[in-house]
C-alpha atoms as a PDB file:
ATOM      1  CA  MET A   1      83.231 118.927 124.551  1.00  0.00           C
ATOM      2  CA  THR A   2      80.339 121.369 124.304  1.00  0.00           C
ATOM      3  CA  ASN A   3      80.580 121.403 120.552  1.00  0.00           C
ATOM      4  CA  PHE A   4      80.209 117.621 120.507  1.00  0.00           C
ATOM      5  CA  LEU A   5      77.206 117.821 122.787  1.00  0.00           C
ATOM      6  CA  THR A   6      75.681 120.511 120.632  1.00  0.00           C
ATOM      7  CA  ILE A   7      75.997 118.409 117.488  1.00  0.00           C
ATOM      8  CA  ILE A   8      74.533 115.421 119.238  1.00  0.00           C
ATOM      9  CA  ALA A   9      71.587 117.511 120.434  1.00  0.00           C
ATOM     10  CA  GLN A  10      71.041 118.864 116.989  1.00  0.00           C
ATOM     11  CA  VAL A  11      71.219 115.413 115.399  1.00  0.00           C
ATOM     12  CA  THR A  12      68.847 113.727 117.890  1.00  0.00           C
ATOM     13  CA  SER A  13      66.327 116.663 117.886  1.00  0.00           C
ATOM     14  CA  GLN A  14      63.437 116.253 115.613  1.00  0.00           C
ATOM     15  CA  PRO A  15      63.703 118.528 112.667  1.00  0.00           C
ATOM     16  CA  ALA A  16      60.547 119.931 111.051  1.00  0.00           C
ATOM     17  CA  GLY A  17      59.212 117.288 108.638  1.00  0.00           C
ATOM     18  CA  GLY A  18      62.068 114.827 109.183  1.00  0.00           C
ATOM     19  CA  LYS A  19      62.646 111.682 111.203  1.00  0.00           C
ATOM     20  CA  PRO A  20      65.235 111.878 114.065  1.00  0.00           C
ATOM     21  CA  ALA A  21      66.357 108.296 113.231  1.00  0.00           C
ATOM     22  CA  ASP A  22      67.367 109.339 109.614  1.00  0.00           C
ATOM     23  CA  SER A  23      69.485 112.353 110.837  1.00  0.00           C
ATOM     24  CA  PHE A  24      71.064 110.232 113.541  1.00  0.00           C
ATOM     25  CA  MET A  25      72.092 107.459 111.085  1.00  0.00           C
ATOM     26  CA  ARG A  26      73.393 110.079 108.674  1.00  0.00           C
ATOM     27  CA  PHE A  27      75.657 111.323 111.533  1.00  0.00           C
ATOM     28  CA  MET A  28      76.697 107.801 112.744  1.00  0.00           C
ATOM     29  CA  PHE A  29      77.252 106.085 109.532  1.00  0.00           C
ATOM     30  CA  PRO A  30      80.444 107.875 108.544  1.00  0.00           C
ATOM     31  CA  MET A  31      81.817 107.470 112.161  1.00  0.00           C
ATOM     32  CA  LEU A  32      81.071 103.773 112.136  1.00  0.00           C
ATOM     33  CA  LEU A  33      82.585 103.464 108.701  1.00  0.00           C
ATOM     34  CA  ALA A  34      85.802 105.159 109.865  1.00  0.00           C
ATOM     35  CA  LEU A  35      86.061 102.970 112.980  1.00  0.00           C
ATOM     36  CA  GLY A  36      85.575  99.799 110.734  1.00  0.00           C
ATOM     37  CA  VAL A  37      88.343 100.882 108.392  1.00  0.00           C
ATOM     38  CA  PHE A  38      90.618 101.759 111.250  1.00  0.00           C
ATOM     39  CA  TYR A  39      89.957  98.356 112.918  1.00  0.00           C
ATOM     40  CA  PHE A  40      90.558  96.515 109.518  1.00  0.00           C
ATOM     41  CA  PHE A  41      94.007  98.206 108.935  1.00  0.00           C
ATOM     42  CA  MET A  42      95.186  97.844 112.485  1.00  0.00           C
ATOM     43  CA  PHE A  43      94.536  94.218 112.849  1.00  0.00           C
ATOM     44  CA  ARG A  44      95.503  93.375 109.223  1.00  0.00           C
ATOM     45  CA  GLY A  45      99.042  94.662 109.903  1.00  0.00           C
ATOM     46  CA  GLN A  46      99.462  92.703 113.077  1.00  0.00           C
ATOM     47  CA  LYS A  47      98.281  89.562 111.264  1.00  0.00           C
ATOM     48  CA  LYS A  48     100.744  90.120 108.437  1.00  0.00           C
ATOM     49  CA  ASP A  49     103.622  90.543 111.018  1.00  0.00           C
ATOM     50  CA  ARG A  50     102.757  87.342 112.775  1.00  0.00           C
ATOM     51  CA  LYS A  51     102.667  85.459 109.538  1.00  0.00           C
ATOM     52  CA  ARG A  52     105.994  86.868 108.431  1.00  0.00           C
ATOM     53  CA  HIS A  53     107.557  85.964 111.836  1.00  0.00           C
ATOM     54  CA  ALA A  54     106.129  82.447 111.658  1.00  0.00           C
ATOM     55  CA  ASN A  55     107.521  81.949 108.135  1.00  0.00           C
ATOM     56  CA  MET A  56     110.895  83.260 109.148  1.00  0.00           C
ATOM     57  CA  LEU A  57     110.946  80.753 112.095  1.00  0.00           C
ATOM     58  CA  ALA A  58     109.971  77.856 109.900  1.00  0.00           C
ATOM     59  CA  GLU A  59     112.729  78.613 107.409  1.00  0.00           C
ATOM     60  CA  LEU A  60     115.436  78.923 110.034  1.00  0.00           C
ATOM     61  CA  LYS A  61     118.483  76.888 108.981  1.00  0.00           C
ATOM     62  CA  ARG A  62     122.136  76.128 109.885  1.00  0.00           C
ATOM     63  CA  ASN A  63     124.545  79.079 109.541  1.00  0.00           C
ATOM     64  CA  ASP A  64     121.855  81.815 109.690  1.00  0.00           C
ATOM     65  CA  ARG A  65     122.948  84.847 111.702  1.00  0.00           C
ATOM     66  CA  VAL A  66     120.198  85.430 114.216  1.00  0.00           C
ATOM     67  CA  GLN A  67     119.276  87.961 117.060  1.00  0.00           C
ATOM     68  CA  THR A  68     117.116  86.650 120.037  1.00  0.00           C
ATOM     69  CA  ILE A  69     114.455  88.685 121.789  1.00  0.00           C
ATOM     70  CA  GLY A  70     116.988  89.201 124.538  1.00  0.00           C
ATOM     71  CA  GLY A  71     119.436  90.793 122.048  1.00  0.00           C
ATOM     72  CA  ILE A  72     121.929  87.914 121.881  1.00  0.00           C
ATOM     73  CA  LEU A  73     123.552  87.676 118.465  1.00  0.00           C
ATOM     74  CA  GLY A  74     124.874  84.368 117.133  1.00  0.00           C
ATOM     75  CA  THR A  75     124.927  81.689 114.353  1.00  0.00           C
ATOM     76  CA  VAL A  76     122.573  78.800 114.185  1.00  0.00           C
ATOM     77  CA  VAL A  77     124.359  75.455 114.650  1.00  0.00           C
ATOM     78  CA  GLU A  78     121.213  73.236 114.733  1.00  0.00           C
ATOM     79  CA  ALA A  79     117.550  73.904 114.264  1.00  0.00           C
ATOM     80  CA  ARG A  80     115.286  71.344 115.665  1.00  0.00           C
ATOM     81  CA  ASP A  81     111.449  71.213 115.899  1.00  0.00           C
ATOM     82  CA  ASP A  82     110.924  73.597 118.820  1.00  0.00           C
ATOM     83  CA  GLU A  83     114.473  74.662 119.788  1.00  0.00           C
ATOM     84  CA  VAL A  84     117.527  76.172 118.186  1.00  0.00           C
ATOM     85  CA  ILE A  85     121.222  75.824 119.175  1.00  0.00           C
ATOM     86  CA  VAL A  86     123.033  79.072 118.605  1.00  0.00           C
ATOM     87  CA  LYS A  87     126.833  79.554 118.713  1.00  0.00           C
ATOM     88  CA  VAL A  88     127.389  82.947 120.442  1.00  0.00           C
ATOM     89  CA  ASP A  89     131.259  82.965 120.600  1.00  0.00           C
ATOM     90  CA  GLU A  90     133.472  81.681 117.855  1.00  0.00           C
ATOM     91  CA  SER A  91     136.731  81.900 119.927  1.00  0.00           C
ATOM     92  CA  SER A  92     135.573  79.767 122.825  1.00  0.00           C
ATOM     93  CA  ASN A  93     132.908  77.849 121.004  1.00  0.00           C
ATOM     94  CA  VAL A  94     130.073  78.851 123.310  1.00  0.00           C
ATOM     95  CA  LYS A  95     126.619  77.509 122.340  1.00  0.00           C
ATOM     96  CA  MET A  96     123.280  78.383 123.865  1.00  0.00           C
ATOM     97  CA  ARG A  97     119.933  76.515 123.398  1.00  0.00           C
ATOM     98  CA  PHE A  98     116.851  78.613 122.719  1.00  0.00           C
ATOM     99  CA  ASN A  99     113.203  77.955 122.214  1.00  0.00           C
ATOM    100  CA  ARG A 100     112.468  78.670 118.536  1.00  0.00           C
ATOM    101  CA  ALA A 101     109.997  81.352 119.426  1.00  0.00           C
ATOM    102  CA  ALA A 102     112.929  83.291 121.256  1.00  0.00           C
ATOM    103  CA  ILE A 103     114.477  84.137 117.825  1.00  0.00           C
ATOM    104  CA  LYS A 104     113.527  87.788 116.876  1.00  0.00           C
ATOM    105  CA  GLU A 105     114.964  88.053 113.455  1.00  0.00           C
ATOM    106  CA  VAL A 106     117.479  86.543 110.903  1.00  0.00           C
ATOM    107  CA  LEU A 107     120.093  89.110 110.294  1.00  0.00           C
ATOM    108  CA  GLU A 108     121.162  89.896 106.727  1.00  0.00           C
ATOM    109  CA  GLN A 109     124.487  88.438 105.647  1.00  0.00           C
ATOM    110  CA  ARG A 110     127.156  91.114 104.834  1.00  0.00           C
ATOM    111  CA  PRO A 111     128.700  90.794 101.403  1.00  0.00           C
ATOM    112  CA  GLY A 112     131.865  88.676 101.464  1.00  0.00           C
ATOM    113  CA  ASN A 113     130.602  86.409 104.272  1.00  0.00           C
END
């Protein structure tokens, strides 16, 4: 902490023949640039994930194996505008109705299925 304060004191003090604003900007510009790049990559990744999830929900169709946000696994029986009917048990034909947004992911089909 004292090193940081020392650097700030040196940067903001007026050097012989130079302007304090120039040295301060020379110190702050790389920091602001690094923060800008960090911000860009952090929110770009989140936006890409939201778009991928929205596309996955839009392409949801009958016979897709899905997992809900609650961890329930099943097969899509019917996909409506804002809800999905999922068969969770083949033997007793148990079906559950979920909001489309409750679908976490479409599971990959195993070879031979």
